[in-house]
Amino acid sequence: MMNFLIKHKLWVIGIALGAIGGYLYYHFVGCVSGTCPITSRPVNSTLYGALMGGLFLNLFKKETKKETQKDKTTEE
């Protein structure tokens, strides 16, 4: 478990920060009318923020040579 967290630390940090940001957005901005699909409920806003945070921080992951070579061999 600990090895997984270390290997995927950017995903974990991004998901955590995104979830916090999504909830804070719901709390402070939210949706007054209740018709907004993402911000009308805290669960939706938190899950959307977690998804976006995880994807955003994954952009900064550096690929190792080993991962790059695996990709090249599977493409051929």
PDB file of N, CA and C in Angstrom:
ATOM      1  N   MET A   1       0.826  -1.202   0.000  1.00  0.00           N
ATOM      2  CA  MET A   1       0.000   0.000   0.000  1.00  0.00           C
ATOM      3  C   MET A   1       0.866   1.260   0.000  1.00  0.00           C
ATOM      4  N   MET A   2       1.881   1.236   0.843  1.00  0.00           N
ATOM      5  CA  MET A   2       2.739   2.417   0.939  1.00  0.00           C
ATOM      6  C   MET A   2       3.524   2.629  -0.357  1.00  0.00           C
ATOM      7  N   ASN A   3       3.928   1.521  -0.977  1.00  0.00           N
ATOM      8  CA  ASN A   3       4.655   1.615  -2.240  1.00  0.00           C
ATOM      9  C   ASN A   3       3.765   2.224  -3.327  1.00  0.00           C
ATOM     10  N   PHE A   4       2.482   1.862  -3.325  1.00  0.00           N
ATOM     11  CA  PHE A   4       1.530   2.422  -4.288  1.00  0.00           C
ATOM     12  C   PHE A   4       1.399   3.932  -4.092  1.00  0.00           C
ATOM     13  N   LEU A   5       1.296   4.364  -2.829  1.00  0.00           N
ATOM     14  CA  LEU A   5       1.156   5.800  -2.552  1.00  0.00           C
ATOM     15  C   LEU A   5       2.389   6.588  -2.979  1.00  0.00           C
ATOM     16  N   ILE A   6       3.552   6.000  -2.773  1.00  0.00           N
ATOM     17  CA  ILE A   6       4.782   6.682  -3.171  1.00  0.00           C
ATOM     18  C   ILE A   6       4.884   6.753  -4.693  1.00  0.00           C
ATOM     19  N   LYS A   7       4.522   5.660  -5.367  1.00  0.00           N
ATOM     20  CA  LYS A   7       4.612   5.621  -6.829  1.00  0.00           C
ATOM     21  C   LYS A   7       3.638   6.595  -7.475  1.00  0.00           C
ATOM     22  N   HIS A   8       2.467   6.744  -6.887  1.00  0.00           N
ATOM     23  CA  HIS A   8       1.426   7.591  -7.466  1.00  0.00           C
ATOM     24  C   HIS A   8       1.138   8.813  -6.604  1.00  0.00           C
ATOM     25  N   LYS A   9       2.176   9.402  -6.048  1.00  0.00           N
ATOM     26  CA  LYS A   9       1.974  10.508  -5.114  1.00  0.00           C
ATOM     27  C   LYS A   9       1.343  11.732  -5.767  1.00  0.00           C
ATOM     28  N   LEU A  10       1.652  12.014  -7.019  1.00  0.00           N
ATOM     29  CA  LEU A  10       1.036  13.175  -7.675  1.00  0.00           C
ATOM     30  C   LEU A  10      -0.463  12.974  -7.852  1.00  0.00           C
ATOM     31  N   TRP A  11      -0.890  11.753  -8.193  1.00  0.00           N
ATOM     32  CA  TRP A  11      -2.321  11.459  -8.292  1.00  0.00           C
ATOM     33  C   TRP A  11      -2.999  11.693  -6.955  1.00  0.00           C
ATOM     34  N   VAL A  12      -2.399  11.138  -5.895  1.00  0.00           N
ATOM     35  CA  VAL A  12      -3.010  11.218  -4.562  1.00  0.00           C
ATOM     36  C   VAL A  12      -3.096  12.666  -4.093  1.00  0.00           C
ATOM     37  N   ILE A  13      -2.022  13.416  -4.257  1.00  0.00           N
ATOM     38  CA  ILE A  13      -2.018  14.822  -3.851  1.00  0.00           C
ATOM     39  C   ILE A  13      -3.021  15.623  -4.684  1.00  0.00           C
ATOM     40  N   GLY A  14      -3.052  15.367  -5.979  1.00  0.00           N
ATOM     41  CA  GLY A  14      -3.983  16.068  -6.856  1.00  0.00           C
ATOM     42  C   GLY A  14      -5.434  15.781  -6.515  1.00  0.00           C
ATOM     43  N   ILE A  15      -5.741  14.525  -6.217  1.00  0.00           N
ATOM     44  CA  ILE A  15      -7.108  14.161  -5.848  1.00  0.00           C
ATOM     45  C   ILE A  15      -7.499  14.830  -4.543  1.00  0.00           C
ATOM     46  N   ALA A  16      -6.596  14.815  -3.569  1.00  0.00           N
ATOM     47  CA  ALA A  16      -6.901  15.426  -2.271  1.00  0.00           C
ATOM     48  C   ALA A  16      -7.108  16.937  -2.405  1.00  0.00           C
ATOM     49  N   LEU A  17      -6.192  17.602  -3.089  1.00  0.00           N
ATOM     50  CA  LEU A  17      -6.320  19.059  -3.260  1.00  0.00           C
ATOM     51  C   LEU A  17      -7.545  19.418  -4.091  1.00  0.00           C
ATOM     52  N   GLY A  18      -7.813  18.632  -5.124  1.00  0.00           N
ATOM     53  CA  GLY A  18      -8.974  18.889  -5.958  1.00  0.00           C
ATOM     54  C   GLY A  18     -10.278  18.701  -5.200  1.00  0.00           C
ATOM     55  N   ALA A  19     -10.337  17.676  -4.354  1.00  0.00           N
ATOM     56  CA  ALA A  19     -11.546  17.440  -3.560  1.00  0.00           C
ATOM     57  C   ALA A  19     -11.784  18.591  -2.583  1.00  0.00           C
ATOM     58  N   ILE A  20     -10.727  19.039  -1.946  1.00  0.00           N
ATOM     59  CA  ILE A  20     -10.856  20.175  -1.021  1.00  0.00           C
ATOM     60  C   ILE A  20     -11.288  21.426  -1.790  1.00  0.00           C
ATOM     61  N   GLY A  21     -10.648  21.657  -2.933  1.00  0.00           N
ATOM     62  CA  GLY A  21     -11.009  22.816  -3.756  1.00  0.00           C
ATOM     63  C   GLY A  21     -12.436  22.740  -4.271  1.00  0.00           C
ATOM     64  N   GLY A  22     -12.878  21.553  -4.669  1.00  0.00           N
ATOM     65  CA  GLY A  22     -14.245  21.385  -5.144  1.00  0.00           C
ATOM     66  C   GLY A  22     -15.267  21.660  -4.055  1.00  0.00           C
ATOM     67  N   TYR A  23     -14.987  21.180  -2.845  1.00  0.00           N
ATOM     68  CA  TYR A  23     -15.922  21.439  -1.747  1.00  0.00           C
ATOM     69  C   TYR A  23     -15.933  22.924  -1.385  1.00  0.00           C
ATOM     70  N   LEU A  24     -14.755  23.536  -1.346  1.00  0.00           N
ATOM     71  CA  LEU A  24     -14.697  24.964  -1.032  1.00  0.00           C
ATOM     72  C   LEU A  24     -15.425  25.787  -2.089  1.00  0.00           C
ATOM     73  N   TYR A  25     -15.330  25.376  -3.337  1.00  0.00           N
ATOM     74  CA  TYR A  25     -16.064  26.072  -4.390  1.00  0.00           C
ATOM     75  C   TYR A  25     -17.562  25.954  -4.155  1.00  0.00           C
ATOM     76  N   TYR A  26     -18.015  24.751  -3.809  1.00  0.00           N
ATOM     77  CA  TYR A  26     -19.441  24.557  -3.504  1.00  0.00           C
ATOM     78  C   TYR A  26     -19.865  25.431  -2.325  1.00  0.00           C
ATOM     79  N   HIS A  27     -19.050  25.461  -1.297  1.00  0.00           N
ATOM     80  CA  HIS A  27     -19.406  26.173  -0.067  1.00  0.00           C
ATOM     81  C   HIS A  27     -19.460  27.686  -0.272  1.00  0.00           C
ATOM     82  N   PHE A  28     -18.462  28.245  -0.949  1.00  0.00           N
ATOM     83  CA  PHE A  28     -18.381  29.693  -1.062  1.00  0.00           C
ATOM     84  C   PHE A  28     -19.059  30.254  -2.315  1.00  0.00           C
ATOM     85  N   VAL A  29     -19.063  29.517  -3.409  1.00  0.00           N
ATOM     86  CA  VAL A  29     -19.672  30.014  -4.644  1.00  0.00           C
ATOM     87  C   VAL A  29     -21.007  29.325  -4.874  1.00  0.00           C
ATOM     88  N   GLY A  30     -20.954  28.007  -4.992  1.00  0.00           N
ATOM     89  CA  GLY A  30     -22.162  27.195  -5.088  1.00  0.00           C
ATOM     90  C   GLY A  30     -23.094  27.561  -6.214  1.00  0.00           C
ATOM     91  N   CYS A  31     -24.348  27.170  -6.019  1.00  0.00           N
ATOM     92  CA  CYS A  31     -25.382  27.411  -7.019  1.00  0.00           C
ATOM     93  C   CYS A  31     -26.649  27.784  -6.276  1.00  0.00           C
ATOM     94  N   VAL A  32     -27.077  29.002  -6.418  1.00  0.00           N
ATOM     95  CA  VAL A  32     -28.230  29.505  -5.676  1.00  0.00           C
ATOM     96  C   VAL A  32     -29.531  28.848  -6.130  1.00  0.00           C
ATOM     97  N   SER A  33     -29.697  28.671  -7.424  1.00  0.00           N
ATOM     98  CA  SER A  33     -30.966  28.156  -7.942  1.00  0.00           C
ATOM     99  C   SER A  33     -31.106  26.641  -7.786  1.00  0.00           C
ATOM    100  N   GLY A  34     -29.994  25.919  -7.648  1.00  0.00           N
ATOM    101  CA  GLY A  34     -30.042  24.473  -7.517  1.00  0.00           C
ATOM    102  C   GLY A  34     -30.107  23.739  -8.840  1.00  0.00           C
ATOM    103  N   THR A  35     -29.994  24.450  -9.948  1.00  0.00           N
ATOM    104  CA  THR A  35     -30.079  23.807 -11.253  1.00  0.00           C
ATOM    105  C   THR A  35     -28.713  23.522 -11.865  1.00  0.00           C
ATOM    106  N   CYS A  36     -27.662  23.908 -11.222  1.00  0.00           N
ATOM    107  CA  CYS A  36     -26.310  23.665 -11.735  1.00  0.00           C
ATOM    108  C   CYS A  36     -25.942  22.200 -11.473  1.00  0.00           C
ATOM    109  N   PRO A  37     -25.585  21.444 -12.495  1.00  0.00           N
ATOM    110  CA  PRO A  37     -25.351  20.015 -12.295  1.00  0.00           C
ATOM    111  C   PRO A  37     -24.130  19.684 -11.435  1.00  0.00           C
ATOM    112  N   ILE A  38     -23.108  20.503 -11.469  1.00  0.00           N
ATOM    113  CA  ILE A  38     -21.900  20.186 -10.702  1.00  0.00           C
ATOM    114  C   ILE A  38     -21.928  20.827  -9.323  1.00  0.00           C
ATOM    115  N   THR A  39     -22.301  22.070  -9.238  1.00  0.00           N
ATOM    116  CA  THR A  39     -22.168  22.787  -7.967  1.00  0.00           C
ATOM    117  C   THR A  39     -23.425  22.824  -7.126  1.00  0.00           C
ATOM    118  N   SER A  40     -24.483  22.127  -7.525  1.00  0.00           N
ATOM    119  CA  SER A  40     -25.714  22.170  -6.735  1.00  0.00           C
ATOM    120  C   SER A  40     -25.642  21.279  -5.500  1.00  0.00           C
ATOM    121  N   ARG A  41     -24.784  20.251  -5.532  1.00  0.00           N
ATOM    122  CA  ARG A  41     -24.632  19.354  -4.390  1.00  0.00           C
ATOM    123  C   ARG A  41     -23.153  19.239  -4.036  1.00  0.00           C
ATOM    124  N   PRO A  42     -22.811  19.132  -2.746  1.00  0.00           N
ATOM    125  CA  PRO A  42     -21.398  19.060  -2.362  1.00  0.00           C
ATOM    126  C   PRO A  42     -20.689  17.807  -2.871  1.00  0.00           C
ATOM    127  N   VAL A  43     -21.397  16.703  -2.980  1.00  0.00           N
ATOM    128  CA  VAL A  43     -20.764  15.474  -3.461  1.00  0.00           C
ATOM    129  C   VAL A  43     -20.319  15.630  -4.909  1.00  0.00           C
ATOM    130  N   ASN A  44     -21.183  16.184  -5.744  1.00  0.00           N
ATOM    131  CA  ASN A  44     -20.835  16.386  -7.148  1.00  0.00           C
ATOM    132  C   ASN A  44     -19.639  17.316  -7.293  1.00  0.00           C
ATOM    133  N   SER A  45     -19.662  18.393  -6.578  1.00  0.00           N
ATOM    134  CA  SER A  45     -18.591  19.371  -6.662  1.00  0.00           C
ATOM    135  C   SER A  45     -17.268  18.791  -6.155  1.00  0.00           C
ATOM    136  N   THR A  46     -17.310  18.027  -5.075  1.00  0.00           N
ATOM    137  CA  THR A  46     -16.100  17.429  -4.509  1.00  0.00           C
ATOM    138  C   THR A  46     -15.524  16.373  -5.446  1.00  0.00           C
ATOM    139  N   LEU A  47     -16.360  15.515  -5.998  1.00  0.00           N
ATOM    140  CA  LEU A  47     -15.875  14.484  -6.917  1.00  0.00           C
ATOM    141  C   LEU A  47     -15.316  15.086  -8.200  1.00  0.00           C
ATOM    142  N   TYR A  48     -15.969  16.106  -8.725  1.00  0.00           N
ATOM    143  CA  TYR A  48     -15.476  16.772  -9.927  1.00  0.00           C
ATOM    144  C   TYR A  48     -14.121  17.434  -9.650  1.00  0.00           C
ATOM    145  N   GLY A  49     -14.006  18.089  -8.501  1.00  0.00           N
ATOM    146  CA  GLY A  49     -12.732  18.708  -8.140  1.00  0.00           C
ATOM    147  C   GLY A  49     -11.631  17.680  -7.969  1.00  0.00           C
ATOM    148  N   ALA A  50     -11.960  16.534  -7.369  1.00  0.00           N
ATOM    149  CA  ALA A  50     -10.968  15.473  -7.194  1.00  0.00           C
ATOM    150  C   ALA A  50     -10.493  14.941  -8.542  1.00  0.00           C
ATOM    151  N   LEU A  51     -11.401  14.737  -9.462  1.00  0.00           N
ATOM    152  CA  LEU A  51     -11.052  14.263 -10.796  1.00  0.00           C
ATOM    153  C   LEU A  51     -10.152  15.263 -11.511  1.00  0.00           C
ATOM    154  N   MET A  52     -10.538  16.525 -11.491  1.00  0.00           N
ATOM    155  CA  MET A  52      -9.752  17.558 -12.176  1.00  0.00           C
ATOM    156  C   MET A  52      -8.374  17.738 -11.518  1.00  0.00           C
ATOM    157  N   GLY A  53      -8.328  17.690 -10.193  1.00  0.00           N
ATOM    158  CA  GLY A  53      -7.051  17.820  -9.496  1.00  0.00           C
ATOM    159  C   GLY A  53      -6.107  16.674  -9.804  1.00  0.00           C
ATOM    160  N   GLY A  54      -6.635  15.452  -9.820  1.00  0.00           N
ATOM    161  CA  GLY A  54      -5.806  14.295 -10.151  1.00  0.00           C
ATOM    162  C   GLY A  54      -5.281  14.350 -11.568  1.00  0.00           C
ATOM    163  N   LEU A  55      -6.137  14.708 -12.494  1.00  0.00           N
ATOM    164  CA  LEU A  55      -5.701  14.808 -13.889  1.00  0.00           C
ATOM    165  C   LEU A  55      -4.697  15.941 -14.096  1.00  0.00           C
ATOM    166  N   PHE A  56      -4.927  17.057 -13.417  1.00  0.00           N
ATOM    167  CA  PHE A  56      -4.025  18.201 -13.588  1.00  0.00           C
ATOM    168  C   PHE A  56      -2.625  17.897 -13.060  1.00  0.00           C
ATOM    169  N   LEU A  57      -2.528  17.346 -11.851  1.00  0.00           N
ATOM    170  CA  LEU A  57      -1.188  17.079 -11.312  1.00  0.00           C
ATOM    171  C   LEU A  57      -0.511  15.916 -12.018  1.00  0.00           C
ATOM    172  N   ASN A  58      -1.273  15.038 -12.655  1.00  0.00           N
ATOM    173  CA  ASN A  58      -0.667  13.957 -13.418  1.00  0.00           C
ATOM    174  C   ASN A  58       0.058  14.476 -14.659  1.00  0.00           C
ATOM    175  N   LEU A  59      -0.270  15.678 -15.093  1.00  0.00           N
ATOM    176  CA  LEU A  59       0.437  16.278 -16.233  1.00  0.00           C
ATOM    177  C   LEU A  59       1.918  16.491 -15.930  1.00  0.00           C
ATOM    178  N   PHE A  60       2.262  16.633 -14.665  1.00  0.00           N
ATOM    179  CA  PHE A  60       3.630  16.943 -14.278  1.00  0.00           C
ATOM    180  C   PHE A  60       4.457  15.703 -13.964  1.00  0.00           C
ATOM    181  N   LYS A  61       3.906  14.513 -14.181  1.00  0.00           N
ATOM    182  CA  LYS A  61       4.627  13.276 -13.921  1.00  0.00           C
ATOM    183  C   LYS A  61       5.685  13.078 -14.993  1.00  0.00           C
ATOM    184  N   LYS A  62       6.892  12.774 -14.568  1.00  0.00           N
ATOM    185  CA  LYS A  62       7.974  12.518 -15.513  1.00  0.00           C
ATOM    186  C   LYS A  62       8.018  11.023 -15.795  1.00  0.00           C
ATOM    187  N   GLU A  63       8.109  10.684 -17.064  1.00  0.00           N
ATOM    188  CA  GLU A  63       8.219   9.285 -17.442  1.00  0.00           C
ATOM    189  C   GLU A  63       9.666   8.842 -17.336  1.00  0.00           C
ATOM    190  N   THR A  64       9.877   7.643 -16.835  1.00  0.00           N
ATOM    191  CA  THR A  64      11.220   7.091 -16.771  1.00  0.00           C
ATOM    192  C   THR A  64      11.539   6.423 -18.101  1.00  0.00           C
ATOM    193  N   LYS A  65      12.816   6.131 -18.332  1.00  0.00           N
ATOM    194  CA  LYS A  65      13.203   5.477 -19.578  1.00  0.00           C
ATOM    195  C   LYS A  65      12.550   4.107 -19.687  1.00  0.00           C
ATOM    196  N   LYS A  66      12.427   3.431 -18.560  1.00  0.00           N
ATOM    197  CA  LYS A  66      11.835   2.101 -18.549  1.00  0.00           C
ATOM    198  C   LYS A  66      10.389   2.154 -19.042  1.00  0.00           C
ATOM    199  N   GLU A  67       9.605   3.129 -18.572  1.00  0.00           N
ATOM    200  CA  GLU A  67       8.218   3.266 -19.005  1.00  0.00           C
ATOM    201  C   GLU A  67       8.140   3.640 -20.479  1.00  0.00           C
ATOM    202  N   THR A  68       9.040   4.505 -20.936  1.00  0.00           N
ATOM    203  CA  THR A  68       9.042   4.946 -22.324  1.00  0.00           C
ATOM    204  C   THR A  68       9.386   3.777 -23.254  1.00  0.00           C
ATOM    205  N   GLN A  69      10.363   2.959 -22.859  1.00  0.00           N
ATOM    206  CA  GLN A  69      10.741   1.818 -23.682  1.00  0.00           C
ATOM    207  C   GLN A  69       9.621   0.783 -23.741  1.00  0.00           C
ATOM    208  N   LYS A  70       8.891   0.593 -22.646  1.00  0.00           N
ATOM    209  CA  LYS A  70       7.753  -0.329 -22.653  1.00  0.00           C
ATOM    210  C   LYS A  70       6.707   0.132 -23.655  1.00  0.00           C
ATOM    211  N   ASP A  71       6.437   1.423 -23.671  1.00  0.00           N
ATOM    212  CA  ASP A  71       5.448   1.974 -24.591  1.00  0.00           C
ATOM    213  C   ASP A  71       5.875   1.772 -26.045  1.00  0.00           C
ATOM    214  N   LYS A  72       7.138   1.962 -26.333  1.00  0.00           N
ATOM    215  CA  LYS A  72       7.614   1.828 -27.691  1.00  0.00           C
ATOM    216  C   LYS A  72       7.534   0.386 -28.163  1.00  0.00           C
ATOM    217  N   THR A  73       7.844  -0.577 -27.283  1.00  0.00           N
ATOM    218  CA  THR A  73       7.804  -1.975 -27.693  1.00  0.00           C
ATOM    219  C   THR A  73       6.384  -2.465 -27.897  1.00  0.00           C
ATOM    220  N   THR A  74       5.430  -1.929 -27.162  1.00  0.00           N
ATOM    221  CA  THR A  74       4.048  -2.358 -27.347  1.00  0.00           C
ATOM    222  C   THR A  74       3.421  -1.733 -28.583  1.00  0.00           C
ATOM    223  N   GLU A  75       3.942  -0.598 -29.048  1.00  0.00           N
ATOM    224  CA  GLU A  75       3.407   0.057 -30.238  1.00  0.00           C
ATOM    225  C   GLU A  75       3.820  -0.657 -31.514  1.00  0.00           C
ATOM    226  N   GLU A  76       4.990  -1.293 -31.495  1.00  0.00           N
ATOM    227  CA  GLU A  76       5.534  -1.923 -32.715  1.00  0.00           C
ATOM    228  C   GLU A  76       4.886  -3.223 -33.029  1.00  0.00           C
TER     229      GLU A  76
END
